[in-house]
C-alpha atoms as a PDB file:
ATOM      1  CA  MET A   1       0.249  -0.128   0.382  1.00  0.00           C
ATOM      2  CA  ALA A   2       1.610   3.392  -0.839  1.00  0.00           C
ATOM      3  CA  GLU A   3       2.129   5.749   1.679  1.00  0.00           C
ATOM      4  CA  SER A   4      -0.221   9.388   1.791  1.00  0.00           C
ATOM      5  CA  LEU A   5       1.911  12.183   1.229  1.00  0.00           C
ATOM      6  CA  GLY A   6      -0.242  14.018   2.813  1.00  0.00           C
ATOM      7  CA  PRO A   7      -1.331  18.050   1.812  1.00  0.00           C
ATOM      8  CA  HIS A   8       2.513  18.683   1.470  1.00  0.00           C
ATOM      9  CA  ARG A   9       3.039  17.149  -1.798  1.00  0.00           C
ATOM     10  CA  GLY A  10       6.014  15.505  -0.478  1.00  0.00           C
ATOM     11  CA  ILE A  11       7.468  18.516   0.130  1.00  0.00           C
ATOM     12  CA  PRO A  12       8.249  19.203   4.111  1.00  0.00           C
ATOM     13  CA  PRO A  13       7.073  22.176   5.703  1.00  0.00           C
ATOM     14  CA  PRO A  14       9.622  24.553   6.846  1.00  0.00           C
ATOM     15  CA  ASN A  15      10.222  23.823  10.606  1.00  0.00           C
ATOM     16  CA  ASP A  16      12.731  26.222  11.553  1.00  0.00           C
ATOM     17  CA  ALA A  17      11.306  29.256  12.970  1.00  0.00           C
ATOM     18  CA  LEU A  18      13.212  32.158  10.711  1.00  0.00           C
ATOM     19  CA  SER A  19      11.426  30.247   7.871  1.00  0.00           C
ATOM     20  CA  ALA A  20       8.112  32.142   8.560  1.00  0.00           C
ATOM     21  CA  VAL A  21       9.397  35.547   9.502  1.00  0.00           C
ATOM     22  CA  ARG A  22       9.280  38.783   7.250  1.00  0.00           C
ATOM     23  CA  VAL A  23      11.765  41.880   7.674  1.00  0.00           C
ATOM     24  CA  ALA A  24       9.739  45.213   7.711  1.00  0.00           C
ATOM     25  CA  PHE A  25       9.857  46.857   5.536  1.00  0.00           C
ATOM     26  CA  PRO A  26      11.312  50.434   5.736  1.00  0.00           C
ATOM     27  CA  LYS A  27       9.244  53.292   6.146  1.00  0.00           C
ATOM     28  CA  THR A  28      11.149  56.882   6.086  1.00  0.00           C
ATOM     29  CA  GLU A  29      13.780  57.924   3.696  1.00  0.00           C
ATOM     30  CA  GLU A  30      16.602  57.933   6.597  1.00  0.00           C
ATOM     31  CA  ASP A  31      15.424  54.405   7.125  1.00  0.00           C
ATOM     32  CA  PHE A  32      15.743  53.310   2.987  1.00  0.00           C
ATOM     33  CA  LYS A  33      19.905  54.520   3.203  1.00  0.00           C
ATOM     34  CA  ASN A  34      20.388  51.895   6.322  1.00  0.00           C
ATOM     35  CA  ASP A  35      18.242  48.841   4.118  1.00  0.00           C
ATOM     36  CA  VAL A  36      19.964  46.671   1.633  1.00  0.00           C
ATOM     37  CA  ARG A  37      17.254  45.719  -0.357  1.00  0.00           C
ATOM     38  CA  VAL A  38      16.267  49.154  -1.478  1.00  0.00           C
ATOM     39  CA  SER A  39      18.101  51.502  -4.027  1.00  0.00           C
ATOM     40  CA  PHE A  40      16.917  54.631  -5.769  1.00  0.00           C
ATOM     41  CA  ASP A  41      15.688  54.367  -9.431  1.00  0.00           C
ATOM     42  CA  LYS A  42      17.668  58.063 -11.155  1.00  0.00           C
ATOM     43  CA  THR A  43      15.569  57.013 -14.208  1.00  0.00           C
ATOM     44  CA  ASN A  44      12.151  57.379 -12.558  1.00  0.00           C
ATOM     45  CA  ALA A  45      13.584  59.041  -9.165  1.00  0.00           C
ATOM     46  CA  LYS A  46      11.916  56.810  -7.202  1.00  0.00           C
ATOM     47  CA  TYR A  47      12.727  54.293  -4.203  1.00  0.00           C
ATOM     48  CA  VAL A  48      12.754  50.635  -5.333  1.00  0.00           C
ATOM     49  CA  LEU A  49      13.093  47.474  -3.011  1.00  0.00           C
ATOM     50  CA  GLU A  50      13.156  44.014  -3.898  1.00  0.00           C
ATOM     51  CA  ASP A  51      12.199  41.604  -1.419  1.00  0.00           C
ATOM     52  CA  ASP A  52      13.834  38.116  -0.321  1.00  0.00           C
ATOM     53  CA  ASP A  53      11.599  36.402  -2.678  1.00  0.00           C
ATOM     54  CA  GLY A  54      12.108  38.502  -5.443  1.00  0.00           C
ATOM     55  CA  SER A  55       9.172  40.691  -5.788  1.00  0.00           C
ATOM     56  CA  GLU A  56      10.145  44.507  -6.708  1.00  0.00           C
ATOM     57  CA  TRP A  57       8.368  47.126  -4.715  1.00  0.00           C
ATOM     58  CA  GLU A  58       8.115  50.904  -5.155  1.00  0.00           C
ATOM     59  CA  TRP A  59       7.946  53.615  -3.033  1.00  0.00           C
ATOM     60  CA  ASN A  60       4.625  56.105  -3.296  1.00  0.00           C
ATOM     61  CA  ASP A  61       5.433  59.428  -2.277  1.00  0.00           C
ATOM     62  CA  LYS A  62       1.862  60.498  -1.948  1.00  0.00           C
ATOM     63  CA  TYR A  63       0.372  57.988   0.405  1.00  0.00           C
ATOM     64  CA  GLU A  64       3.797  57.359   2.065  1.00  0.00           C
ATOM     65  CA  LYS A  65       3.774  53.101   1.130  1.00  0.00           C
ATOM     66  CA  TRP A  66       5.232  50.620  -0.842  1.00  0.00           C
ATOM     67  CA  VAL A  67       3.526  49.666  -3.853  1.00  0.00           C
ATOM     68  CA  PRO A  68       4.107  46.329  -6.112  1.00  0.00           C
ATOM     69  CA  LEU A  69       5.918  46.645  -9.388  1.00  0.00           C
ATOM     70  CA  VAL A  70       4.253  45.076 -11.881  1.00  0.00           C
END
């Protein structure tokens, strides 16, 4: 009889505490300078953040928040 793989389909769930932790995005321009994920795009004159999962975000000055780049 075959063993059931369960809901993970053969991929074990992460068992370390760090896998669920996400580092908060910086919220001020001073914080941007201290975060290695943030760079300044001179072409668009915008701050861009590349998250650990590879997704990219752009700082919206008007609403003071990060928005995903498409």
